[in-house]
């Protein structure tokens, strides 16, 4: 079970780091900056591509937390 926990922890850390790098890539101004960020992303995730493979791919933008719905007693 310890090995599985280590694998999961690495996966979560990788996802968090990729999210930060993708945000940096979106904010990069010069082609040199973009290339440097892409190289870092490819080092972590070699199968990553800038274009989504599926037309209906999910956005990488962080989701806004939903406010709990108020329940009215009738």
Protein backbone atom coordinates (compact mmCIF):
# COMPACT_ATOMS: atom_id res chain seq x y z
CA UNK A 1 0.00 0.00 0.00
CA UNK A 2 2.94 2.31 0.66
CA UNK A 3 4.11 2.06 -2.96
CA UNK A 4 0.67 2.98 -4.24
CA UNK A 5 0.56 6.02 -1.95
CA UNK A 6 3.96 7.16 -3.28
CA UNK A 7 2.74 6.77 -6.87
CA UNK A 8 -0.40 8.77 -6.13
CA UNK A 9 1.55 11.52 -4.38
CA UNK A 10 3.88 11.84 -7.37
CA UNK A 11 0.91 11.98 -9.74
CA UNK A 12 -0.81 14.73 -7.74
CA UNK A 13 2.40 16.75 -7.54
CA UNK A 14 2.97 16.36 -11.29
CA UNK A 15 -0.58 17.56 -12.04
CA UNK A 16 -0.14 20.57 -9.79
CA UNK A 17 3.20 21.49 -11.39
CA UNK A 18 1.83 21.04 -14.92
CA UNK A 19 -1.05 23.35 -14.08
CA UNK A 20 1.37 26.06 -12.95
CA UNK A 21 3.54 25.60 -16.05
CA UNK A 22 0.52 25.77 -18.38
CA UNK A 23 -0.53 29.01 -16.72
CA UNK A 24 3.01 30.36 -17.23
CA UNK A 25 2.86 29.27 -20.87
CA UNK A 26 -0.39 31.17 -21.39
CA UNK A 27 1.16 34.30 -19.85
CA UNK A 28 4.51 34.07 -21.66
CA UNK A 29 5.15 37.13 -23.81
CA UNK A 30 8.10 36.19 -26.01
CA UNK A 31 8.65 33.06 -28.10
CA UNK A 32 11.82 32.39 -26.10
CA UNK A 33 9.85 32.34 -22.84
CA UNK A 34 7.23 30.04 -24.36
CA UNK A 35 9.90 27.67 -25.64
CA UNK A 36 11.55 27.47 -22.21
CA UNK A 37 8.23 26.66 -20.52
CA UNK A 38 7.34 24.06 -23.17
CA UNK A 39 10.71 22.37 -22.61
CA UNK A 40 9.97 22.17 -18.86
CA UNK A 41 6.52 20.74 -19.54
CA UNK A 42 7.92 18.13 -21.92
CA UNK A 43 10.52 17.13 -19.34
CA UNK A 44 7.74 16.33 -16.87
CA UNK A 45 5.22 15.00 -19.39
CA UNK A 46 6.78 13.89 -22.71
CA UNK A 47 3.41 12.94 -24.25
CA UNK A 48 1.95 16.44 -23.75
CA UNK A 49 0.98 18.48 -26.81
CA UNK A 50 -0.10 22.10 -26.97
CA UNK A 51 -3.24 21.33 -28.96
CA UNK A 52 -5.98 19.25 -27.29
CA UNK A 53 -6.34 15.86 -28.99
CA UNK A 54 -10.14 15.85 -28.70
CA UNK A 55 -12.36 18.70 -29.88
CA UNK A 56 -14.39 18.59 -26.68
CA UNK A 57 -11.37 18.48 -24.36
CA UNK A 58 -11.74 19.97 -20.92
CA UNK A 59 -10.30 23.36 -20.13
CA UNK A 60 -7.30 23.59 -17.79
CA UNK A 61 -8.67 26.75 -16.17
CA UNK A 62 -9.26 26.38 -12.44
CA UNK A 63 -12.86 25.86 -11.50
CA UNK A 64 -14.68 28.34 -9.32
CA UNK A 65 -16.09 26.88 -6.12
CA UNK A 66 -19.86 26.72 -6.13
CA UNK A 67 -21.81 28.39 -3.39
CA UNK A 68 -24.07 25.98 -1.52
CA UNK A 69 -27.68 26.24 -2.62
CA UNK A 70 -29.99 27.62 0.04
CA UNK A 71 -32.96 25.42 0.79
CA UNK A 72 -36.28 27.03 1.53
CA UNK A 73 -38.79 25.26 3.69
CA UNK A 74 -42.22 25.24 2.18
